[in-house]
Each structure stands twice: as structure tokens, then as C-alpha cells.
Amino acid sequence: MIELLLLCLMSWSSKAVTDDEKWLKLYYFKLVSLQHKYNTTDVSDHYNKHNGLAKWVKEQKRDYDEFMKMREGAMTAWRFELLESIDFARMRTKVGSGPSSNNERWAMQYEKLLTYKEQYNSTLVPQVWQEDSSLGFWVYTQRRKYGQLAHAATNAGESLGALVAQAFNYTDPSQSKNGVTVEDIVYRISRLNDIGFVW
């Protein structure tokens, strides 16, 4: 694959740049770099840092799935092969192809945290952990997102559901934001509390 990328780079000149060359240079190389750093092609956890890339990956997931079904669409065979070379398939949104919903991705990371706790007898995963940086970032995110709510509910004796609804601006308990309901968040905090998560 490296040889293919080098050939692409060497073939660029000062002439007009094709759509494929823009695709490769503006986003694909950034995705490869992110994959090497975090061992994932899913940038949703790193959205704030990689806003443009996250939008591009979402488009690629849609185009990738369409190409898988019909072998046509915005995704070219060349782009498809490049994405395949970095194991992009594991983050497809197709049912049964791996974690696709927010709740499935959360559950996958939670299982990793259980394994970590079993091995190290702690939930204090370093934010930058060499063995699995996505887990370190996920644990940090849980503390940042839900920590104050977990403490507030315990200290004030208030309903966790009411606090979650207020904190995340849910107007109805059944309302879903990015596939996550108030019940999902309460469940997440409860599961983390059950294993002695350090907020």
C-alpha cells in the first residue's frame, strides 16, 4: 500500500488536481495518520479535533456501504480499495458488520474497560494509553460528560434522569439525540457506578 501512495504522490504535478487526488491528499492521508495514532478509522470520539475529517468519514461510510451493495455511486473502485487497505470495513454502518450505533460503540468500550479493570484492578485508564488509546480517550470522555451528573445525583438525592434531561436539554424522556435517550445515559452512569468507576 505504501508503494501505491508513493506513486500517487510522485505523479502529482502543478497541473490540475483531480477529485481523486484531492480526496487522497485532503482527507485520506489524515485518516491514515489518525488510524495509526488511535488504532481506529472512526473519528466520532475525536470530533472536536477533526471536524472536517469527521464529516468526510461519515460521507465515506455512506458511499462505502452504497458501493458494497451496488458496486456504483460516489465511491470509486480505487477509493474503495484504499479504504479497504486500512480496514475501513470494521466501521461500516451496515447492520451486523460491527458496532454502528452510539450505544453499540459505548458497550464495546465498556467491555474493554471491564477487561482493563480485571487486569489492573482499576478504572483509572490513562488518557493516553499506549495499548489502546481509544479506551483512554473514552474513559476521559465519560468522566467529562457524566461525572458531574453522577456526583450531583448522589449529593442532592435528585433523580438522575431529571438531571440528565436538564443537562443535555432533553424536553421529553423518550427523545433521542444521536440515538441516545435519557434512559441510555442513566443506564451508562449506573453501569459505570456498578463497577466502581472513579469519576
C-alpha atoms as a PDB file:
ATOM      1  CA  MET A   1       0.000   0.000   0.000  1.00  0.00           C
ATOM      2  CA  ILE A   2       2.843   2.405   0.813  1.00  0.00           C
ATOM      3  CA  GLU A   3       4.177   1.934  -2.712  1.00  0.00           C
ATOM      4  CA  LEU A   4       0.775   2.838  -4.166  1.00  0.00           C
ATOM      5  CA  LEU A   5       0.603   6.001  -2.088  1.00  0.00           C
ATOM      6  CA  LEU A   6       4.147   6.999  -3.042  1.00  0.00           C
ATOM      7  CA  LEU A   7       3.328   6.516  -6.720  1.00  0.00           C
ATOM      8  CA  CYS A   8       0.285   8.740  -6.299  1.00  0.00           C
ATOM      9  CA  LEU A   9       2.345  11.437  -4.629  1.00  0.00           C
ATOM     10  CA  MET A  10       5.079  11.288  -7.263  1.00  0.00           C
ATOM     11  CA  SER A  11       2.558  11.511 -10.097  1.00  0.00           C
ATOM     12  CA  TRP A  12       1.159  14.831  -8.874  1.00  0.00           C
ATOM     13  CA  SER A  13       2.366  17.844 -10.756  1.00  0.00           C
ATOM     14  CA  SER A  14       1.493  21.502 -10.864  1.00  0.00           C
ATOM     15  CA  LYS A  15      -1.255  20.677 -13.403  1.00  0.00           C
ATOM     16  CA  ALA A  16      -4.935  20.471 -12.472  1.00  0.00           C
ATOM     17  CA  VAL A  17      -5.605  18.251  -9.480  1.00  0.00           C
ATOM     18  CA  THR A  18      -8.219  15.520  -9.942  1.00  0.00           C
ATOM     19  CA  ASP A  19     -11.024  14.774  -7.475  1.00  0.00           C
ATOM     20  CA  ASP A  20      -9.253  11.551  -6.514  1.00  0.00           C
ATOM     21  CA  GLU A  21      -6.041  13.430  -5.761  1.00  0.00           C
ATOM     22  CA  LYS A  22      -7.932  15.943  -3.586  1.00  0.00           C
ATOM     23  CA  TRP A  23      -9.695  13.045  -1.843  1.00  0.00           C
ATOM     24  CA  LEU A  24      -6.358  11.401  -1.153  1.00  0.00           C
ATOM     25  CA  LYS A  25      -4.409  14.465  -0.101  1.00  0.00           C
ATOM     26  CA  LEU A  26      -7.028  16.399   1.880  1.00  0.00           C
ATOM     27  CA  TYR A  27      -8.614  13.565   3.847  1.00  0.00           C
ATOM     28  CA  TYR A  28      -7.354  10.057   3.245  1.00  0.00           C
ATOM     29  CA  PHE A  29      -3.821  10.750   4.490  1.00  0.00           C
ATOM     30  CA  LYS A  30      -5.270  12.420   7.608  1.00  0.00           C
ATOM     31  CA  LEU A  31      -7.423   9.347   8.219  1.00  0.00           C
ATOM     32  CA  VAL A  32      -4.408   7.049   7.860  1.00  0.00           C
ATOM     33  CA  SER A  33      -2.491   9.209  10.345  1.00  0.00           C
ATOM     34  CA  LEU A  34      -5.407   9.104  12.788  1.00  0.00           C
ATOM     35  CA  GLN A  35      -5.666   5.345  12.387  1.00  0.00           C
ATOM     36  CA  HIS A  36      -2.002   4.937  13.298  1.00  0.00           C
ATOM     37  CA  LYS A  37      -2.390   7.231  16.307  1.00  0.00           C
ATOM     38  CA  TYR A  38      -5.693   5.874  17.716  1.00  0.00           C
ATOM     39  CA  ASN A  39      -5.992   2.463  16.008  1.00  0.00           C
ATOM     40  CA  THR A  40      -9.397   3.336  14.557  1.00  0.00           C
ATOM     41  CA  THR A  41     -10.954   4.838  11.448  1.00  0.00           C
ATOM     42  CA  ASP A  42     -13.913   6.109  13.487  1.00  0.00           C
ATOM     43  CA  VAL A  43     -13.267   9.761  14.271  1.00  0.00           C
ATOM     44  CA  SER A  44     -16.524  10.398  16.132  1.00  0.00           C
ATOM     45  CA  ASP A  45     -14.735  10.242  19.518  1.00  0.00           C
ATOM     46  CA  HIS A  46     -12.259  12.827  18.292  1.00  0.00           C
ATOM     47  CA  TYR A  47     -14.833  15.033  16.509  1.00  0.00           C
ATOM     48  CA  ASN A  48     -13.802  18.349  18.052  1.00  0.00           C
ATOM     49  CA  LYS A  49     -10.214  17.905  16.924  1.00  0.00           C
ATOM     50  CA  HIS A  50     -11.053  16.640  13.438  1.00  0.00           C
ATOM     51  CA  ASN A  51     -14.306  18.345  12.488  1.00  0.00           C
ATOM     52  CA  GLY A  52     -13.823  18.333   8.695  1.00  0.00           C
ATOM     53  CA  LEU A  53     -12.406  14.817   8.734  1.00  0.00           C
ATOM     54  CA  ALA A  54     -15.335  13.505  10.806  1.00  0.00           C
ATOM     55  CA  LYS A  55     -17.802  14.853   8.235  1.00  0.00           C
ATOM     56  CA  TRP A  56     -15.760  13.322   5.420  1.00  0.00           C
ATOM     57  CA  VAL A  57     -15.605   9.910   7.164  1.00  0.00           C
ATOM     58  CA  LYS A  58     -19.382   9.961   7.619  1.00  0.00           C
ATOM     59  CA  GLU A  59     -19.767  10.580   3.868  1.00  0.00           C
ATOM     60  CA  GLN A  60     -17.292   7.791   3.114  1.00  0.00           C
ATOM     61  CA  LYS A  61     -19.251   5.358   5.302  1.00  0.00           C
ATOM     62  CA  ARG A  62     -22.410   6.140   3.338  1.00  0.00           C
ATOM     63  CA  ASP A  63     -20.635   5.889  -0.032  1.00  0.00           C
ATOM     64  CA  TYR A  64     -18.765   2.746   1.076  1.00  0.00           C
ATOM     65  CA  ASP A  65     -21.998   0.970   2.037  1.00  0.00           C
ATOM     66  CA  GLU A  66     -23.627   2.002  -1.239  1.00  0.00           C
ATOM     67  CA  PHE A  67     -20.638   0.694  -3.183  1.00  0.00           C
ATOM     68  CA  MET A  68     -20.767  -2.593  -1.247  1.00  0.00           C
ATOM     69  CA  LYS A  69     -24.424  -3.072  -2.228  1.00  0.00           C
ATOM     70  CA  MET A  70     -24.423  -1.923  -5.856  1.00  0.00           C
ATOM     71  CA  ARG A  71     -20.766  -1.517  -6.879  1.00  0.00           C
ATOM     72  CA  GLU A  72     -21.545   2.010  -8.035  1.00  0.00           C
ATOM     73  CA  GLY A  73     -22.175   5.501  -6.701  1.00  0.00           C
ATOM     74  CA  ALA A  74     -19.871   8.268  -5.471  1.00  0.00           C
ATOM     75  CA  MET A  75     -17.305   5.706  -4.255  1.00  0.00           C
ATOM     76  CA  THR A  76     -14.860   4.646  -6.959  1.00  0.00           C
ATOM     77  CA  ALA A  77     -13.224   1.217  -7.009  1.00  0.00           C
ATOM     78  CA  TRP A  78      -9.851   2.914  -6.436  1.00  0.00           C
ATOM     79  CA  ARG A  79     -11.086   4.760  -3.331  1.00  0.00           C
ATOM     80  CA  PHE A  80     -12.798   1.602  -2.098  1.00  0.00           C
ATOM     81  CA  GLU A  81      -9.526  -0.350  -2.340  1.00  0.00           C
ATOM     82  CA  LEU A  82      -7.640   2.342  -0.436  1.00  0.00           C
ATOM     83  CA  LEU A  83     -10.243   2.327   2.338  1.00  0.00           C
ATOM     84  CA  GLU A  84     -10.149  -1.479   2.432  1.00  0.00           C
ATOM     85  CA  SER A  85      -6.371  -1.334   2.869  1.00  0.00           C
ATOM     86  CA  ILE A  86      -6.817   0.468   6.217  1.00  0.00           C
ATOM     87  CA  ASP A  87      -9.625  -1.811   7.448  1.00  0.00           C
ATOM     88  CA  PHE A  88     -12.319   0.820   6.961  1.00  0.00           C
ATOM     89  CA  ALA A  89     -14.896  -2.004   6.765  1.00  0.00           C
ATOM     90  CA  ARG A  90     -14.940  -2.500  10.525  1.00  0.00           C
ATOM     91  CA  MET A  91     -16.635   0.884  10.955  1.00  0.00           C
ATOM     92  CA  ARG A  92     -19.302   0.436   8.268  1.00  0.00           C
ATOM     93  CA  THR A  93     -22.835   1.349   9.225  1.00  0.00           C
ATOM     94  CA  LYS A  94     -24.264  -1.832   7.731  1.00  0.00           C
ATOM     95  CA  VAL A  95     -26.174  -3.975  10.249  1.00  0.00           C
ATOM     96  CA  GLY A  96     -24.133  -6.883  11.533  1.00  0.00           C
ATOM     97  CA  SER A  97     -20.786  -5.507  10.386  1.00  0.00           C
ATOM     98  CA  GLY A  98     -19.631  -4.214  13.748  1.00  0.00           C
ATOM     99  CA  PRO A  99     -20.688  -1.509  16.156  1.00  0.00           C
ATOM    100  CA  SER A 100     -22.655   1.114  14.277  1.00  0.00           C
ATOM    101  CA  SER A 101     -24.914   2.821  16.810  1.00  0.00           C
ATOM    102  CA  ASN A 102     -23.762   5.127  19.542  1.00  0.00           C
ATOM    103  CA  ASN A 103     -24.979   2.630  22.149  1.00  0.00           C
ATOM    104  CA  GLU A 104     -23.145  -0.279  20.483  1.00  0.00           C
ATOM    105  CA  ARG A 105     -19.886   1.682  20.416  1.00  0.00           C
ATOM    106  CA  TRP A 106     -20.402   2.631  24.069  1.00  0.00           C
ATOM    107  CA  ALA A 107     -20.993  -1.011  25.018  1.00  0.00           C
ATOM    108  CA  MET A 108     -17.863  -2.086  23.141  1.00  0.00           C
ATOM    109  CA  GLN A 109     -15.721   0.424  25.057  1.00  0.00           C
ATOM    110  CA  TYR A 110     -17.411  -0.536  28.336  1.00  0.00           C
ATOM    111  CA  GLU A 111     -16.407  -4.166  27.727  1.00  0.00           C
ATOM    112  CA  LYS A 112     -12.825  -3.007  27.154  1.00  0.00           C
ATOM    113  CA  LEU A 113     -12.989  -1.109  30.448  1.00  0.00           C
ATOM    114  CA  LEU A 114     -14.168  -4.261  32.249  1.00  0.00           C
ATOM    115  CA  THR A 115     -11.181  -6.137  30.815  1.00  0.00           C
ATOM    116  CA  TYR A 116      -8.861  -3.324  31.905  1.00  0.00           C
ATOM    117  CA  LYS A 117     -10.340  -3.349  35.414  1.00  0.00           C
ATOM    118  CA  GLU A 118      -9.946  -7.106  35.655  1.00  0.00           C
ATOM    119  CA  GLN A 119      -6.288  -6.846  34.627  1.00  0.00           C
ATOM    120  CA  TYR A 120      -5.274  -3.729  36.600  1.00  0.00           C
ATOM    121  CA  ASN A 121      -7.928  -3.674  39.368  1.00  0.00           C
ATOM    122  CA  SER A 122      -8.739  -0.046  38.500  1.00  0.00           C
ATOM    123  CA  THR A 123     -10.889   2.068  36.192  1.00  0.00           C
ATOM    124  CA  LEU A 124      -8.246   4.798  36.024  1.00  0.00           C
ATOM    125  CA  VAL A 125      -7.198   4.240  32.423  1.00  0.00           C
ATOM    126  CA  PRO A 126      -4.557   6.800  31.419  1.00  0.00           C
ATOM    127  CA  GLN A 127      -5.947   9.252  28.871  1.00  0.00           C
ATOM    128  CA  VAL A 128      -3.001   8.466  26.619  1.00  0.00           C
ATOM    129  CA  TRP A 129      -2.622   4.715  26.996  1.00  0.00           C
ATOM    130  CA  GLN A 130      -0.244   3.044  24.558  1.00  0.00           C
ATOM    131  CA  GLU A 131      -2.076  -0.290  24.426  1.00  0.00           C
ATOM    132  CA  ASP A 132      -5.459   1.205  23.452  1.00  0.00           C
ATOM    133  CA  SER A 133      -5.635   4.967  23.124  1.00  0.00           C
ATOM    134  CA  SER A 134      -9.320   4.841  22.156  1.00  0.00           C
ATOM    135  CA  LEU A 135     -10.140   3.375  25.600  1.00  0.00           C
ATOM    136  CA  GLY A 136      -8.152   6.070  27.413  1.00  0.00           C
ATOM    137  CA  PHE A 137      -9.940   8.785  25.468  1.00  0.00           C
ATOM    138  CA  TRP A 138     -13.328   7.104  26.020  1.00  0.00           C
ATOM    139  CA  VAL A 139     -12.819   6.908  29.817  1.00  0.00           C
ATOM    140  CA  TYR A 140     -11.795  10.572  29.871  1.00  0.00           C
ATOM    141  CA  THR A 141     -14.932  11.431  27.878  1.00  0.00           C
ATOM    142  CA  GLN A 142     -17.186   9.528  30.308  1.00  0.00           C
ATOM    143  CA  ARG A 143     -15.755  11.493  33.233  1.00  0.00           C
ATOM    144  CA  ARG A 144     -16.116  14.793  31.420  1.00  0.00           C
ATOM    145  CA  LYS A 145     -19.658  14.124  30.136  1.00  0.00           C
ATOM    146  CA  TYR A 146     -21.245  12.325  33.052  1.00  0.00           C
ATOM    147  CA  GLY A 147     -19.069  12.850  36.137  1.00  0.00           C
ATOM    148  CA  GLN A 148     -20.750  15.992  37.437  1.00  0.00           C
ATOM    149  CA  LEU A 149     -24.170  14.411  36.952  1.00  0.00           C
ATOM    150  CA  ALA A 150     -23.174  11.278  38.871  1.00  0.00           C
ATOM    151  CA  HIS A 151     -21.907  13.394  41.778  1.00  0.00           C
ATOM    152  CA  ALA A 152     -24.882  15.781  41.724  1.00  0.00           C
ATOM    153  CA  ALA A 153     -27.433  12.961  41.839  1.00  0.00           C
ATOM    154  CA  THR A 154     -25.633  11.318  44.765  1.00  0.00           C
ATOM    155  CA  ASN A 155     -25.128  14.539  46.741  1.00  0.00           C
ATOM    156  CA  ALA A 156     -28.510  16.158  46.134  1.00  0.00           C
ATOM    157  CA  GLY A 157     -30.565  12.982  46.164  1.00  0.00           C
ATOM    158  CA  GLU A 158     -32.243  14.140  42.946  1.00  0.00           C
ATOM    159  CA  SER A 159     -33.429  11.885  40.166  1.00  0.00           C
ATOM    160  CA  LEU A 160     -30.564  11.133  37.814  1.00  0.00           C
ATOM    161  CA  GLY A 161     -32.992  11.100  34.884  1.00  0.00           C
ATOM    162  CA  ALA A 162     -34.170  14.635  35.678  1.00  0.00           C
ATOM    163  CA  LEU A 163     -30.589  15.875  35.969  1.00  0.00           C
ATOM    164  CA  VAL A 164     -29.627  14.231  32.660  1.00  0.00           C
ATOM    165  CA  ALA A 165     -32.667  15.697  30.886  1.00  0.00           C
ATOM    166  CA  GLN A 166     -31.813  19.165  32.167  1.00  0.00           C
ATOM    167  CA  ALA A 167     -28.067  18.935  31.488  1.00  0.00           C
ATOM    168  CA  PHE A 168     -28.480  17.679  27.910  1.00  0.00           C
ATOM    169  CA  ASN A 169     -31.613  19.742  27.084  1.00  0.00           C
ATOM    170  CA  TYR A 170     -33.976  16.818  26.597  1.00  0.00           C
ATOM    171  CA  THR A 171     -37.576  18.053  26.533  1.00  0.00           C
ATOM    172  CA  ASP A 172     -39.076  14.563  26.637  1.00  0.00           C
ATOM    173  CA  PRO A 173     -37.672  11.437  28.356  1.00  0.00           C
ATOM    174  CA  SER A 174     -38.157   9.405  25.169  1.00  0.00           C
ATOM    175  CA  GLN A 175     -36.412  11.998  22.995  1.00  0.00           C
ATOM    176  CA  SER A 176     -33.323  10.704  21.200  1.00  0.00           C
ATOM    177  CA  LYS A 177     -30.206  12.705  20.344  1.00  0.00           C
ATOM    178  CA  ASN A 178     -27.722  10.923  18.106  1.00  0.00           C
ATOM    179  CA  GLY A 179     -29.526   7.701  19.001  1.00  0.00           C
ATOM    180  CA  VAL A 180     -29.127   8.276  22.756  1.00  0.00           C
ATOM    181  CA  THR A 181     -32.045   8.775  25.163  1.00  0.00           C
ATOM    182  CA  VAL A 182     -32.150   9.955  28.787  1.00  0.00           C
ATOM    183  CA  GLU A 183     -32.624   6.303  29.774  1.00  0.00           C
ATOM    184  CA  ASP A 184     -29.449   5.360  27.865  1.00  0.00           C
ATOM    185  CA  ILE A 185     -27.408   7.965  29.733  1.00  0.00           C
ATOM    186  CA  VAL A 186     -28.836   6.939  33.106  1.00  0.00           C
ATOM    187  CA  TYR A 187     -28.027   3.328  32.217  1.00  0.00           C
ATOM    188  CA  ARG A 188     -24.448   4.271  31.285  1.00  0.00           C
ATOM    189  CA  ILE A 189     -23.844   6.144  34.535  1.00  0.00           C
ATOM    190  CA  SER A 190     -25.369   3.284  36.534  1.00  0.00           C
ATOM    191  CA  ARG A 191     -23.231   0.671  34.788  1.00  0.00           C
ATOM    192  CA  LEU A 192     -20.104   2.712  35.456  1.00  0.00           C
ATOM    193  CA  ASN A 193     -21.089   3.194  39.104  1.00  0.00           C
ATOM    194  CA  ASP A 194     -21.670  -0.569  39.418  1.00  0.00           C
ATOM    195  CA  ILE A 195     -18.003  -1.282  38.663  1.00  0.00           C
ATOM    196  CA  GLY A 196     -16.652   1.403  40.972  1.00  0.00           C
ATOM    197  CA  PHE A 197     -15.830   3.872  38.200  1.00  0.00           C
ATOM    198  CA  VAL A 198     -13.724   6.746  39.531  1.00  0.00           C
ATOM    199  CA  TRP A 199     -15.463   9.939  38.490  1.00  0.00           C
END
